[in-house]
Every structure is written in C-alpha cells, then in structure tokens.
Amino acid sequence: MARKPPVYAAVELEPVAPPAAAPQPEPAMPRAKEAAEAPAARRGRPPAVRSMRDAASPVMLYLHPAGHKALKRYALEQDGKVHDLLIQAVEEWAKRKGLREPMRVEAERE
C-alpha cells in the first residue's frame, strides 16, 4: 500500500515520479574485499600486523585513566607493550579458570 505524501502547513506535495531507468553499472567490489586483495605495499601496516588482525577477534576494554597511565608506565619500565601485559593477564586468568583455548594470536611472518 502506497503512503500518502506528507502535508506541510496545509500545502500538499506532489508525489515524485521515479527516475527513468538508467543502465545499471557493473556492481563494484566491496571495500573490504578490495583491501584484502590490495598489495601489501599500498596498505600502511606491515604484513605481521595485518595477518594478526585478520586472525584475531577484537575486544574493547575501558580502563580508568589513572590505571591506564600506570599500566603504560609499567610496560615502559619492562620494555614491553601494554597489549602484551593485558594478554599475559588474560592468559593467567584463563589458566586459573580452566580454559584451555589459546588467548594469544601469533603473528604470521612472511
């Protein structure tokens, strides 16, 4: 059932006729697929990071700013990364809970 055109300030709008059928262009390849097939040189990330991101499931974590700052400082003192500290903590937690599945995605080197 077709909808009636809206009425604004007691003025009725004329229904708009559909545009004439134009030749349909070939469907474009989705951007995600284009990015996956693009050469590594055109994308900004190194191959190891790209393959890890493709293999991993992203998880978001909200931390208190003071806690985040302390974590960054600790990672700097340990010559490590915050990500590695968080993964290590999740792995230890999973081990205590009896989870056997891997938590860390290893980057594939080309």
PDB file of N, CA and C in Angstrom:
ATOM      1  N   MET A   1       0.841  -1.168   0.000  1.00  0.00           N
ATOM      2  CA  MET A   1       0.000   0.000   0.000  1.00  0.00           C
ATOM      3  C   MET A   1       0.892   1.238   0.000  1.00  0.00           C
ATOM      4  N   ALA A   2       0.652   2.123  -0.928  1.00  0.00           N
ATOM      5  CA  ALA A   2       1.468   3.325  -1.056  1.00  0.00           C
ATOM      6  C   ALA A   2       1.110   4.317   0.041  1.00  0.00           C
ATOM      7  N   ARG A   3       2.136   5.023   0.503  1.00  0.00           N
ATOM      8  CA  ARG A   3       1.931   6.024   1.544  1.00  0.00           C
ATOM      9  C   ARG A   3       1.510   7.340   0.913  1.00  0.00           C
ATOM     10  N   LYS A   4       0.696   8.088   1.628  1.00  0.00           N
ATOM     11  CA  LYS A   4       0.293   9.409   1.156  1.00  0.00           C
ATOM     12  C   LYS A   4       1.457  10.368   1.339  1.00  0.00           C
ATOM     13  N   PRO A   5       1.656  11.313   0.420  1.00  0.00           N
ATOM     14  CA  PRO A   5       2.710  12.303   0.616  1.00  0.00           C
ATOM     15  C   PRO A   5       2.390  13.165   1.835  1.00  0.00           C
ATOM     16  N   PRO A   6       3.397  13.612   2.582  1.00  0.00           N
ATOM     17  CA  PRO A   6       3.136  14.420   3.781  1.00  0.00           C
ATOM     18  C   PRO A   6       2.572  15.787   3.425  1.00  0.00           C
ATOM     19  N   VAL A   7       1.844  16.336   4.357  1.00  0.00           N
ATOM     20  CA  VAL A   7       1.250  17.658   4.182  1.00  0.00           C
ATOM     21  C   VAL A   7       1.962  18.609   5.143  1.00  0.00           C
ATOM     22  N   TYR A   8       2.523  19.692   4.634  1.00  0.00           N
ATOM     23  CA  TYR A   8       3.224  20.677   5.434  1.00  0.00           C
ATOM     24  C   TYR A   8       2.505  22.007   5.326  1.00  0.00           C
ATOM     25  N   ALA A   9       2.078  22.550   6.443  1.00  0.00           N
ATOM     26  CA  ALA A   9       1.418  23.869   6.521  1.00  0.00           C
ATOM     27  C   ALA A   9       0.308  23.981   5.492  1.00  0.00           C
ATOM     28  N   ALA A  10      -0.506  22.955   5.439  1.00  0.00           N
ATOM     29  CA  ALA A  10      -1.670  22.907   4.539  1.00  0.00           C
ATOM     30  C   ALA A  10      -1.287  22.987   3.073  1.00  0.00           C
ATOM     31  N   VAL A  11      -0.058  22.609   2.731  1.00  0.00           N
ATOM     32  CA  VAL A  11       0.367  22.570   1.334  1.00  0.00           C
ATOM     33  C   VAL A  11       0.681  21.121   1.014  1.00  0.00           C
ATOM     34  N   GLU A  12       0.010  20.582   0.034  1.00  0.00           N
ATOM     35  CA  GLU A  12       0.255  19.199  -0.336  1.00  0.00           C
ATOM     36  C   GLU A  12       1.404  19.136  -1.331  1.00  0.00           C
ATOM     37  N   LEU A  13       2.295  18.184  -1.122  1.00  0.00           N
ATOM     38  CA  LEU A  13       3.415  17.984  -2.028  1.00  0.00           C
ATOM     39  C   LEU A  13       3.029  16.973  -3.086  1.00  0.00           C
ATOM     40  N   GLU A  14       3.473  17.229  -4.282  1.00  0.00           N
ATOM     41  CA  GLU A  14       3.215  16.311  -5.383  1.00  0.00           C
ATOM     42  C   GLU A  14       4.104  15.082  -5.232  1.00  0.00           C
ATOM     43  N   PRO A  15       3.583  13.901  -5.462  1.00  0.00           N
ATOM     44  CA  PRO A  15       4.445  12.725  -5.394  1.00  0.00           C
ATOM     45  C   PRO A  15       5.521  12.786  -6.477  1.00  0.00           C
ATOM     46  N   VAL A  16       6.694  12.358  -6.137  1.00  0.00           N
ATOM     47  CA  VAL A  16       7.823  12.404  -7.063  1.00  0.00           C
ATOM     48  C   VAL A  16       7.829  11.128  -7.889  1.00  0.00           C
ATOM     49  N   ALA A  17       7.912  11.297  -9.200  1.00  0.00           N
ATOM     50  CA  ALA A  17       7.960  10.140 -10.092  1.00  0.00           C
ATOM     51  C   ALA A  17       9.348   9.511 -10.015  1.00  0.00           C
ATOM     52  N   PRO A  18       9.431   8.189 -10.091  1.00  0.00           N
ATOM     53  CA  PRO A  18      10.752   7.557 -10.056  1.00  0.00           C
ATOM     54  C   PRO A  18      11.561   7.953 -11.285  1.00  0.00           C
ATOM     55  N   PRO A  19      12.879   8.060 -11.162  1.00  0.00           N
ATOM     56  CA  PRO A  19      13.702   8.445 -12.308  1.00  0.00           C
ATOM     57  C   PRO A  19      13.645   7.369 -13.390  1.00  0.00           C
ATOM     58  N   ALA A  20      13.892   7.826 -14.611  1.00  0.00           N
ATOM     59  CA  ALA A  20      13.902   6.898 -15.732  1.00  0.00           C
ATOM     60  C   ALA A  20      14.987   5.855 -15.503  1.00  0.00           C
ATOM     61  N   ALA A  21      14.710   4.646 -15.925  1.00  0.00           N
ATOM     62  CA  ALA A  21      15.662   3.555 -15.713  1.00  0.00           C
ATOM     63  C   ALA A  21      16.929   3.801 -16.512  1.00  0.00           C
ATOM     64  N   ALA A  22      18.010   3.976 -15.802  1.00  0.00           N
ATOM     65  CA  ALA A  22      19.308   4.176 -16.441  1.00  0.00           C
ATOM     66  C   ALA A  22      20.028   2.834 -16.459  1.00  0.00           C
ATOM     67  N   PRO A  23      20.952   2.659 -17.410  1.00  0.00           N
ATOM     68  CA  PRO A  23      21.685   1.398 -17.420  1.00  0.00           C
ATOM     69  C   PRO A  23      22.451   1.227 -16.109  1.00  0.00           C
ATOM     70  N   GLN A  24      22.321   0.057 -15.521  1.00  0.00           N
ATOM     71  CA  GLN A  24      22.976  -0.220 -14.243  1.00  0.00           C
ATOM     72  C   GLN A  24      24.453  -0.513 -14.471  1.00  0.00           C
ATOM     73  N   PRO A  25      25.334   0.206 -13.743  1.00  0.00           N
ATOM     74  CA  PRO A  25      26.759  -0.095 -13.866  1.00  0.00           C
ATOM     75  C   PRO A  25      27.057  -1.446 -13.209  1.00  0.00           C
ATOM     76  N   GLU A  26      28.186  -2.005 -13.572  1.00  0.00           N
ATOM     77  CA  GLU A  26      28.602  -3.272 -13.001  1.00  0.00           C
ATOM     78  C   GLU A  26      28.759  -3.096 -11.497  1.00  0.00           C
ATOM     79  N   PRO A  27      28.280  -4.050 -10.688  1.00  0.00           N
ATOM     80  CA  PRO A  27      28.414  -3.871  -9.235  1.00  0.00           C
ATOM     81  C   PRO A  27      29.873  -3.766  -8.830  1.00  0.00           C
ATOM     82  N   ALA A  28      30.138  -2.793  -7.960  1.00  0.00           N
ATOM     83  CA  ALA A  28      31.510  -2.574  -7.501  1.00  0.00           C
ATOM     84  C   ALA A  28      31.875  -3.617  -6.458  1.00  0.00           C
ATOM     85  N   MET A  29      33.168  -3.907  -6.404  1.00  0.00           N
ATOM     86  CA  MET A  29      33.663  -4.848  -5.410  1.00  0.00           C
ATOM     87  C   MET A  29      33.597  -4.179  -4.039  1.00  0.00           C
ATOM     88  N   PRO A  30      33.127  -4.892  -3.002  1.00  0.00           N
ATOM     89  CA  PRO A  30      33.086  -4.273  -1.669  1.00  0.00           C
ATOM     90  C   PRO A  30      34.463  -3.820  -1.216  1.00  0.00           C
ATOM     91  N   ARG A  31      34.497  -2.739  -0.433  1.00  0.00           N
ATOM     92  CA  ARG A  31      35.774  -2.178   0.004  1.00  0.00           C
ATOM     93  C   ARG A  31      36.598  -3.167   0.812  1.00  0.00           C
ATOM     94  N   ALA A  32      35.957  -3.943   1.660  1.00  0.00           N
ATOM     95  CA  ALA A  32      36.706  -4.895   2.483  1.00  0.00           C
ATOM     96  C   ALA A  32      37.431  -5.900   1.602  1.00  0.00           C
ATOM     97  N   LYS A  33      36.768  -6.327   0.533  1.00  0.00           N
ATOM     98  CA  LYS A  33      37.395  -7.287  -0.366  1.00  0.00           C
ATOM     99  C   LYS A  33      38.535  -6.629  -1.140  1.00  0.00           C
ATOM    100  N   GLU A  34      38.328  -5.366  -1.535  1.00  0.00           N
ATOM    101  CA  GLU A  34      39.395  -4.644  -2.228  1.00  0.00           C
ATOM    102  C   GLU A  34      40.619  -4.522  -1.333  1.00  0.00           C
ATOM    103  N   ALA A  35      40.393  -4.186  -0.064  1.00  0.00           N
ATOM    104  CA  ALA A  35      41.506  -4.031   0.866  1.00  0.00           C
ATOM    105  C   ALA A  35      42.227  -5.350   1.074  1.00  0.00           C
ATOM    106  N   ALA A  36      41.474  -6.451   1.103  1.00  0.00           N
ATOM    107  CA  ALA A  36      42.100  -7.751   1.318  1.00  0.00           C
ATOM    108  C   ALA A  36      42.954  -8.154   0.121  1.00  0.00           C
ATOM    109  N   GLU A  37      42.546  -7.703  -1.071  1.00  0.00           N
ATOM    110  CA  GLU A  37      43.285  -8.083  -2.271  1.00  0.00           C
ATOM    111  C   GLU A  37      44.338  -7.051  -2.674  1.00  0.00           C
ATOM    112  N   ALA A  38      44.384  -5.916  -1.988  1.00  0.00           N
ATOM    113  CA  ALA A  38      45.348  -4.877  -2.339  1.00  0.00           C
ATOM    114  C   ALA A  38      46.760  -5.336  -1.976  1.00  0.00           C
ATOM    115  N   PRO A  39      47.743  -4.951  -2.761  1.00  0.00           N
ATOM    116  CA  PRO A  39      49.118  -5.321  -2.428  1.00  0.00           C
ATOM    117  C   PRO A  39      49.541  -4.745  -1.088  1.00  0.00           C
ATOM    118  N   ALA A  40      50.443  -5.445  -0.419  1.00  0.00           N
ATOM    119  CA  ALA A  40      50.892  -5.026   0.910  1.00  0.00           C
ATOM    120  C   ALA A  40      51.533  -3.647   0.877  1.00  0.00           C
ATOM    121  N   ALA A  41      52.160  -3.288  -0.211  1.00  0.00           N
ATOM    122  CA  ALA A  41      52.856  -2.000  -0.298  1.00  0.00           C
ATOM    123  C   ALA A  41      51.867  -0.838  -0.236  1.00  0.00           C
ATOM    124  N   ARG A  42      50.623  -1.047  -0.714  1.00  0.00           N
ATOM    125  CA  ARG A  42      49.656   0.042  -0.717  1.00  0.00           C
ATOM    126  C   ARG A  42      49.016   0.232   0.643  1.00  0.00           C
ATOM    127  N   ARG A  43      49.007  -0.778   1.449  1.00  0.00           N
ATOM    128  CA  ARG A  43      48.427  -0.652   2.784  1.00  0.00           C
ATOM    129  C   ARG A  43      49.515  -0.226   3.744  1.00  0.00           C
ATOM    130  N   GLY A  44      49.144   0.520   4.776  1.00  0.00           N
ATOM    131  CA  GLY A  44      50.115   1.124   5.671  1.00  0.00           C
ATOM    132  C   GLY A  44      50.724   0.206   6.703  1.00  0.00           C
ATOM    133  N   ARG A  45      50.055  -0.917   7.045  1.00  0.00           N
ATOM    134  CA  ARG A  45      50.564  -1.759   8.116  1.00  0.00           C
ATOM    135  C   ARG A  45      51.526  -2.801   7.584  1.00  0.00           C
ATOM    136  N   PRO A  46      52.516  -3.182   8.390  1.00  0.00           N
ATOM    137  CA  PRO A  46      53.418  -4.250   7.974  1.00  0.00           C
ATOM    138  C   PRO A  46      52.671  -5.580   7.914  1.00  0.00           C
ATOM    139  N   PRO A  47      53.169  -6.550   7.156  1.00  0.00           N
ATOM    140  CA  PRO A  47      52.463  -7.812   6.964  1.00  0.00           C
ATOM    141  C   PRO A  47      52.139  -8.545   8.262  1.00  0.00           C
ATOM    142  N   ALA A  48      53.023  -8.519   9.257  1.00  0.00           N
ATOM    143  CA  ALA A  48      52.786  -9.254  10.502  1.00  0.00           C
ATOM    144  C   ALA A  48      51.569  -8.712  11.237  1.00  0.00           C
ATOM    145  N   VAL A  49      51.420  -7.407  11.287  1.00  0.00           N
ATOM    146  CA  VAL A  49      50.294  -6.801  11.985  1.00  0.00           C
ATOM    147  C   VAL A  49      49.007  -7.100  11.242  1.00  0.00           C
ATOM    148  N   ARG A  50      49.038  -7.041   9.937  1.00  0.00           N
ATOM    149  CA  ARG A  50      47.854  -7.274   9.131  1.00  0.00           C
ATOM    150  C   ARG A  50      47.344  -8.697   9.334  1.00  0.00           C
ATOM    151  N   SER A  51      48.218  -9.685   9.299  1.00  0.00           N
ATOM    152  CA  SER A  51      47.773 -11.058   9.423  1.00  0.00           C
ATOM    153  C   SER A  51      47.262 -11.335  10.834  1.00  0.00           C
ATOM    154  N   MET A  52      47.853 -10.717  11.862  1.00  0.00           N
ATOM    155  CA  MET A  52      47.369 -10.913  13.223  1.00  0.00           C
ATOM    156  C   MET A  52      45.976 -10.312  13.368  1.00  0.00           C
ATOM    157  N   ARG A  53      45.752  -9.149  12.818  1.00  0.00           N
ATOM    158  CA  ARG A  53      44.432  -8.514  12.911  1.00  0.00           C
ATOM    159  C   ARG A  53      43.394  -9.309  12.151  1.00  0.00           C
ATOM    160  N   ASP A  54      43.782  -9.957  11.064  1.00  0.00           N
ATOM    161  CA  ASP A  54      42.843 -10.771  10.315  1.00  0.00           C
ATOM    162  C   ASP A  54      42.477 -12.030  11.084  1.00  0.00           C
ATOM    163  N   ALA A  55      43.401 -12.566  11.878  1.00  0.00           N
ATOM    164  CA  ALA A  55      43.182 -13.819  12.585  1.00  0.00           C
ATOM    165  C   ALA A  55      42.576 -13.629  13.967  1.00  0.00           C
ATOM    166  N   ALA A  56      42.603 -12.431  14.519  1.00  0.00           N
ATOM    167  CA  ALA A  56      42.174 -12.200  15.901  1.00  0.00           C
ATOM    168  C   ALA A  56      40.764 -11.622  15.957  1.00  0.00           C
ATOM    169  N   SER A  57      40.135 -11.773  17.113  1.00  0.00           N
ATOM    170  CA  SER A  57      38.844 -11.136  17.394  1.00  0.00           C
ATOM    171  C   SER A  57      39.100  -9.923  18.279  1.00  0.00           C
ATOM    172  N   PRO A  58      38.699  -8.740  17.848  1.00  0.00           N
ATOM    173  CA  PRO A  58      38.959  -7.545  18.661  1.00  0.00           C
ATOM    174  C   PRO A  58      38.092  -7.523  19.915  1.00  0.00           C
ATOM    175  N   VAL A  59      38.656  -7.028  21.004  1.00  0.00           N
ATOM    176  CA  VAL A  59      37.957  -6.872  22.271  1.00  0.00           C
ATOM    177  C   VAL A  59      38.260  -5.470  22.781  1.00  0.00           C
ATOM    178  N   MET A  60      37.221  -4.780  23.287  1.00  0.00           N
ATOM    179  CA  MET A  60      37.426  -3.430  23.797  1.00  0.00           C
ATOM    180  C   MET A  60      37.434  -3.476  25.317  1.00  0.00           C
ATOM    181  N   LEU A  61      38.303  -2.704  25.913  1.00  0.00           N
ATOM    182  CA  LEU A  61      38.441  -2.667  27.356  1.00  0.00           C
ATOM    183  C   LEU A  61      38.498  -1.210  27.786  1.00  0.00           C
ATOM    184  N   TYR A  62      37.668  -0.836  28.745  1.00  0.00           N
ATOM    185  CA  TYR A  62      37.671   0.524  29.266  1.00  0.00           C
ATOM    186  C   TYR A  62      38.373   0.511  30.616  1.00  0.00           C
ATOM    187  N   LEU A  63      39.424   1.297  30.758  1.00  0.00           N
ATOM    188  CA  LEU A  63      40.181   1.398  31.998  1.00  0.00           C
ATOM    189  C   LEU A  63      40.080   2.816  32.555  1.00  0.00           C
ATOM    190  N   HIS A  64      40.227   2.915  33.847  1.00  0.00           N
ATOM    191  CA  HIS A  64      40.299   4.234  34.489  1.00  0.00           C
ATOM    192  C   HIS A  64      41.570   4.910  33.965  1.00  0.00           C
ATOM    193  N   PRO A  65      41.544   6.208  33.693  1.00  0.00           N
ATOM    194  CA  PRO A  65      42.733   6.887  33.164  1.00  0.00           C
ATOM    195  C   PRO A  65      43.977   6.711  34.032  1.00  0.00           C
ATOM    196  N   ALA A  66      43.820   6.737  35.353  1.00  0.00           N
ATOM    197  CA  ALA A  66      44.982   6.568  36.230  1.00  0.00           C
ATOM    198  C   ALA A  66      45.549   5.152  36.111  1.00  0.00           C
ATOM    199  N   GLY A  67      44.664   4.163  36.018  1.00  0.00           N
ATOM    200  CA  GLY A  67      45.109   2.786  35.850  1.00  0.00           C
ATOM    201  C   GLY A  67      45.793   2.571  34.505  1.00  0.00           C
ATOM    202  N   HIS A  68      45.257   3.202  33.474  1.00  0.00           N
ATOM    203  CA  HIS A  68      45.859   3.088  32.144  1.00  0.00           C
ATOM    204  C   HIS A  68      47.250   3.711  32.126  1.00  0.00           C
ATOM    205  N   LYS A  69      47.372   4.850  32.778  1.00  0.00           N
ATOM    206  CA  LYS A  69      48.674   5.528  32.844  1.00  0.00           C
ATOM    207  C   LYS A  69      49.681   4.664  33.593  1.00  0.00           C
ATOM    208  N   ALA A  70      49.253   4.053  34.711  1.00  0.00           N
ATOM    209  CA  ALA A  70      50.145   3.180  35.478  1.00  0.00           C
ATOM    210  C   ALA A  70      50.545   1.957  34.653  1.00  0.00           C
ATOM    211  N   LEU A  71      49.607   1.425  33.897  1.00  0.00           N
ATOM    212  CA  LEU A  71      49.897   0.265  33.046  1.00  0.00           C
ATOM    213  C   LEU A  71      50.895   0.633  31.947  1.00  0.00           C
ATOM    214  N   LYS A  72      50.717   1.798  31.344  1.00  0.00           N
ATOM    215  CA  LYS A  72      51.667   2.254  30.314  1.00  0.00           C
ATOM    216  C   LYS A  72      53.051   2.466  30.908  1.00  0.00           C
ATOM    217  N   ARG A  73      53.092   3.054  32.089  1.00  0.00           N
ATOM    218  CA  ARG A  73      54.377   3.296  32.752  1.00  0.00           C
ATOM    219  C   ARG A  73      55.071   1.962  33.068  1.00  0.00           C
ATOM    220  N   TYR A  74      54.312   0.989  33.589  1.00  0.00           N
ATOM    221  CA  TYR A  74      54.876  -0.315  33.914  1.00  0.00           C
ATOM    222  C   TYR A  74      55.392  -1.013  32.650  1.00  0.00           C
ATOM    223  N   ALA A  75      54.621  -0.935  31.555  1.00  0.00           N
ATOM    224  CA  ALA A  75      55.057  -1.540  30.298  1.00  0.00           C
ATOM    225  C   ALA A  75      56.354  -0.894  29.816  1.00  0.00           C
ATOM    226  N   LEU A  76      56.463   0.419  29.951  1.00  0.00           N
ATOM    227  CA  LEU A  76      57.683   1.120  29.550  1.00  0.00           C
ATOM    228  C   LEU A  76      58.869   0.670  30.395  1.00  0.00           C
ATOM    229  N   GLU A  77      58.663   0.532  31.705  1.00  0.00           N
ATOM    230  CA  GLU A  77      59.735   0.071  32.593  1.00  0.00           C
ATOM    231  C   GLU A  77      60.170  -1.352  32.274  1.00  0.00           C
ATOM    232  N   GLN A  78      59.254  -2.173  31.808  1.00  0.00           N
ATOM    233  CA  GLN A  78      59.549  -3.572  31.484  1.00  0.00           C
ATOM    234  C   GLN A  78      60.012  -3.748  30.032  1.00  0.00           C
ATOM    235  N   ASP A  79      60.157  -2.646  29.299  1.00  0.00           N
ATOM    236  CA  ASP A  79      60.497  -2.694  27.871  1.00  0.00           C
ATOM    237  C   ASP A  79      59.518  -3.571  27.091  1.00  0.00           C
ATOM    238  N   GLY A  80      58.248  -3.419  27.395  1.00  0.00           N
ATOM    239  CA  GLY A  80      57.210  -4.206  26.737  1.00  0.00           C
ATOM    240  C   GLY A  80      56.105  -3.309  26.235  1.00  0.00           C
ATOM    241  N   LYS A  81      54.978  -3.942  25.933  1.00  0.00           N
ATOM    242  CA  LYS A  81      53.813  -3.222  25.434  1.00  0.00           C
ATOM    243  C   LYS A  81      52.627  -3.500  26.350  1.00  0.00           C
ATOM    244  N   VAL A  82      51.709  -2.544  26.415  1.00  0.00           N
ATOM    245  CA  VAL A  82      50.511  -2.704  27.217  1.00  0.00           C
ATOM    246  C   VAL A  82      49.720  -3.918  26.724  1.00  0.00           C
ATOM    247  N   HIS A  83      49.644  -4.074  25.417  1.00  0.00           N
ATOM    248  CA  HIS A  83      48.911  -5.202  24.837  1.00  0.00           C
ATOM    249  C   HIS A  83      49.462  -6.528  25.356  1.00  0.00           C
ATOM    250  N   ASP A  84      50.775  -6.666  25.390  1.00  0.00           N
ATOM    251  CA  ASP A  84      51.378  -7.907  25.863  1.00  0.00           C
ATOM    252  C   ASP A  84      51.068  -8.151  27.338  1.00  0.00           C
ATOM    253  N   LEU A  85      51.069  -7.087  28.146  1.00  0.00           N
ATOM    254  CA  LEU A  85      50.733  -7.235  29.564  1.00  0.00           C
ATOM    255  C   LEU A  85      49.283  -7.673  29.733  1.00  0.00           C
ATOM    256  N   LEU A  86      48.390  -7.098  28.965  1.00  0.00           N
ATOM    257  CA  LEU A  86      46.982  -7.464  29.060  1.00  0.00           C
ATOM    258  C   LEU A  86      46.745  -8.894  28.588  1.00  0.00           C
ATOM    259  N   ILE A  87      47.396  -9.305  27.511  1.00  0.00           N
ATOM    260  CA  ILE A  87      47.265 -10.684  27.028  1.00  0.00           C
ATOM    261  C   ILE A  87      47.786 -11.652  28.078  1.00  0.00           C
ATOM    262  N   GLN A  88      48.931 -11.315  28.670  1.00  0.00           N
ATOM    263  CA  GLN A  88      49.507 -12.163  29.711  1.00  0.00           C
ATOM    264  C   GLN A  88      48.526 -12.309  30.885  1.00  0.00           C
ATOM    265  N   ALA A  89      47.898 -11.214  31.283  1.00  0.00           N
ATOM    266  CA  ALA A  89      46.929 -11.261  32.373  1.00  0.00           C
ATOM    267  C   ALA A  89      45.727 -12.124  32.007  1.00  0.00           C
ATOM    268  N   VAL A  90      45.247 -12.009  30.774  1.00  0.00           N
ATOM    269  CA  VAL A  90      44.104 -12.814  30.329  1.00  0.00           C
ATOM    270  C   VAL A  90      44.495 -14.290  30.275  1.00  0.00           C
ATOM    271  N   GLU A  91      45.702 -14.587  29.804  1.00  0.00           N
ATOM    272  CA  GLU A  91      46.165 -15.979  29.758  1.00  0.00           C
ATOM    273  C   GLU A  91      46.240 -16.583  31.160  1.00  0.00           C
ATOM    274  N   GLU A  92      46.759 -15.823  32.129  1.00  0.00           N
ATOM    275  CA  GLU A  92      46.837 -16.313  33.504  1.00  0.00           C
ATOM    276  C   GLU A  92      45.443 -16.521  34.089  1.00  0.00           C
ATOM    277  N   TRP A  93      44.522 -15.608  33.822  1.00  0.00           N
ATOM    278  CA  TRP A  93      43.150 -15.737  34.293  1.00  0.00           C
ATOM    279  C   TRP A  93      42.497 -16.980  33.693  1.00  0.00           C
ATOM    280  N   ALA A  94      42.668 -17.178  32.381  1.00  0.00           N
ATOM    281  CA  ALA A  94      42.071 -18.327  31.706  1.00  0.00           C
ATOM    282  C   ALA A  94      42.627 -19.638  32.267  1.00  0.00           C
ATOM    283  N   LYS A  95      43.909 -19.670  32.554  1.00  0.00           N
ATOM    284  CA  LYS A  95      44.527 -20.869  33.110  1.00  0.00           C
ATOM    285  C   LYS A  95      43.919 -21.187  34.484  1.00  0.00           C
ATOM    286  N   ARG A  96      43.725 -20.162  35.315  1.00  0.00           N
ATOM    287  CA  ARG A  96      43.125 -20.359  36.641  1.00  0.00           C
ATOM    288  C   ARG A  96      41.688 -20.854  36.535  1.00  0.00           C
ATOM    289  N   LYS A  97      40.982 -20.421  35.501  1.00  0.00           N
ATOM    290  CA  LYS A  97      39.587 -20.816  35.323  1.00  0.00           C
ATOM    291  C   LYS A  97      39.434 -22.140  34.571  1.00  0.00           C
ATOM    292  N   GLY A  98      40.553 -22.703  34.117  1.00  0.00           N
ATOM    293  CA  GLY A  98      40.497 -23.991  33.421  1.00  0.00           C
ATOM    294  C   GLY A  98      40.191 -23.888  31.934  1.00  0.00           C
ATOM    295  N   LEU A  99      40.332 -22.719  31.366  1.00  0.00           N
ATOM    296  CA  LEU A  99      40.111 -22.565  29.918  1.00  0.00           C
ATOM    297  C   LEU A  99      41.371 -23.000  29.188  1.00  0.00           C
ATOM    298  N   ARG A 100      41.229 -23.865  28.218  1.00  0.00           N
ATOM    299  CA  ARG A 100      42.398 -24.414  27.525  1.00  0.00           C
ATOM    300  C   ARG A 100      42.638 -23.784  26.154  1.00  0.00           C
ATOM    301  N   GLU A 101      41.683 -23.027  25.678  1.00  0.00           N
ATOM    302  CA  GLU A 101      41.821 -22.429  24.351  1.00  0.00           C
ATOM    303  C   GLU A 101      42.901 -21.354  24.372  1.00  0.00           C
ATOM    304  N   PRO A 102      43.602 -21.188  23.235  1.00  0.00           N
ATOM    305  CA  PRO A 102      44.638 -20.144  23.186  1.00  0.00           C
ATOM    306  C   PRO A 102      44.003 -18.759  23.225  1.00  0.00           C
ATOM    307  N   MET A 103      44.659 -17.854  23.908  1.00  0.00           N
ATOM    308  CA  MET A 103      44.184 -16.475  24.002  1.00  0.00           C
ATOM    309  C   MET A 103      45.001 -15.535  23.116  1.00  0.00           C
ATOM    310  N   ARG A 104      46.252 -15.874  22.872  1.00  0.00           N
ATOM    311  CA  ARG A 104      47.159 -15.024  22.100  1.00  0.00           C
ATOM    312  C   ARG A 104      47.176 -15.504  20.648  1.00  0.00           C
ATOM    313  N   VAL A 105      47.027 -14.551  19.732  1.00  0.00           N
ATOM    314  CA  VAL A 105      47.156 -14.856  18.306  1.00  0.00           C
ATOM    315  C   VAL A 105      48.569 -14.518  17.907  1.00  0.00           C
ATOM    316  N   GLU A 106      49.287 -15.492  17.415  1.00  0.00           N
ATOM    317  CA  GLU A 106      50.649 -15.258  16.965  1.00  0.00           C
ATOM    318  C   GLU A 106      50.627 -14.690  15.550  1.00  0.00           C
ATOM    319  N   ALA A 107      51.405 -13.671  15.330  1.00  0.00           N
ATOM    320  CA  ALA A 107      51.506 -13.051  14.014  1.00  0.00           C
ATOM    321  C   ALA A 107      52.268 -13.964  13.074  1.00  0.00           C
ATOM    322  N   GLU A 108      51.754 -14.097  11.880  1.00  0.00           N
ATOM    323  CA  GLU A 108      52.446 -14.894  10.861  1.00  0.00           C
ATOM    324  C   GLU A 108      53.462 -14.019  10.165  1.00  0.00           C
ATOM    325  N   ARG A 109      54.681 -14.466  10.130  1.00  0.00           N
ATOM    326  CA  ARG A 109      55.739 -13.715   9.446  1.00  0.00           C
ATOM    327  C   ARG A 109      55.824 -14.177   8.000  1.00  0.00           C
ATOM    328  N   GLU A 110      55.989 -13.207   7.101  1.00  0.00           N
ATOM    329  CA  GLU A 110      56.113 -13.545   5.677  1.00  0.00           C
ATOM    330  C   GLU A 110      57.558 -13.684   5.287  1.00  0.00           C
TER     331      GLU A 110
END
